[in-house]
Amino acid sequence: MGNSKYTYWPALPQRTNSNSA
């Protein structure tokens, strides 16, 4: 699945930013 990149990057980075902040 080439869409895997778009499926993991939108939710992962945004969730990590909220936790990091």
N, C-alpha and C. Protein backbone atom coordinates (compact mmCIF):
# COMPACT_ATOMS: atom_id res chain seq x y z
N MET A 1 0.85 -1.21 0.00
CA MET A 1 0.00 0.00 0.00
C MET A 1 0.89 1.25 0.00
N GLY A 2 0.88 1.96 -1.10
CA GLY A 2 1.71 3.19 -1.18
C GLY A 2 1.07 4.33 -0.38
N ASN A 3 -0.17 4.16 0.00
CA ASN A 3 -0.85 5.22 0.77
C ASN A 3 -0.49 5.14 2.26
N SER A 4 0.30 4.16 2.62
CA SER A 4 0.66 3.97 4.05
C SER A 4 1.30 5.26 4.58
N LYS A 5 2.13 5.91 3.76
CA LYS A 5 2.81 7.14 4.21
C LYS A 5 1.79 8.21 4.60
N TYR A 6 0.77 8.37 3.76
CA TYR A 6 -0.24 9.41 4.04
C TYR A 6 -1.14 9.01 5.21
N THR A 7 -1.19 7.72 5.49
CA THR A 7 -2.07 7.25 6.57
C THR A 7 -1.39 7.39 7.93
N TYR A 8 -0.06 7.29 7.97
CA TYR A 8 0.63 7.35 9.27
C TYR A 8 1.16 8.75 9.58
N TRP A 9 1.47 9.55 8.56
CA TRP A 9 2.10 10.86 8.86
C TRP A 9 1.11 11.91 9.35
N PRO A 10 -0.14 11.92 8.89
CA PRO A 10 -1.07 12.96 9.32
C PRO A 10 -1.51 12.81 10.78
N ALA A 11 -1.66 11.60 11.25
CA ALA A 11 -2.16 11.38 12.62
C ALA A 11 -1.00 11.29 13.60
N LEU A 12 0.11 10.73 13.19
CA LEU A 12 1.25 10.55 14.11
C LEU A 12 1.89 11.89 14.51
N PRO A 13 2.34 12.69 13.57
CA PRO A 13 3.01 13.96 13.89
C PRO A 13 2.09 14.90 14.67
N GLN A 14 0.83 14.96 14.30
CA GLN A 14 -0.08 15.89 15.01
C GLN A 14 -0.31 15.40 16.43
N ARG A 15 -0.39 14.14 16.62
CA ARG A 15 -0.63 13.58 17.99
C ARG A 15 0.65 13.77 18.81
N THR A 16 1.79 13.62 18.20
CA THR A 16 3.06 13.77 18.95
C THR A 16 3.28 15.22 19.34
N ASN A 17 2.86 16.15 18.51
CA ASN A 17 3.04 17.57 18.81
C ASN A 17 2.20 17.95 20.03
N SER A 18 1.00 17.42 20.09
CA SER A 18 0.10 17.73 21.21
C SER A 18 0.68 17.17 22.52
N ASN A 19 1.25 15.98 22.44
CA ASN A 19 1.82 15.35 23.64
C ASN A 19 3.12 16.05 24.03
N SER A 20 3.90 16.43 23.03
CA SER A 20 5.20 17.07 23.30
C SER A 20 4.97 18.46 23.91
N ALA A 21 3.98 19.17 23.38
CA ALA A 21 3.72 20.53 23.85
C ALA A 21 3.13 20.44 25.26
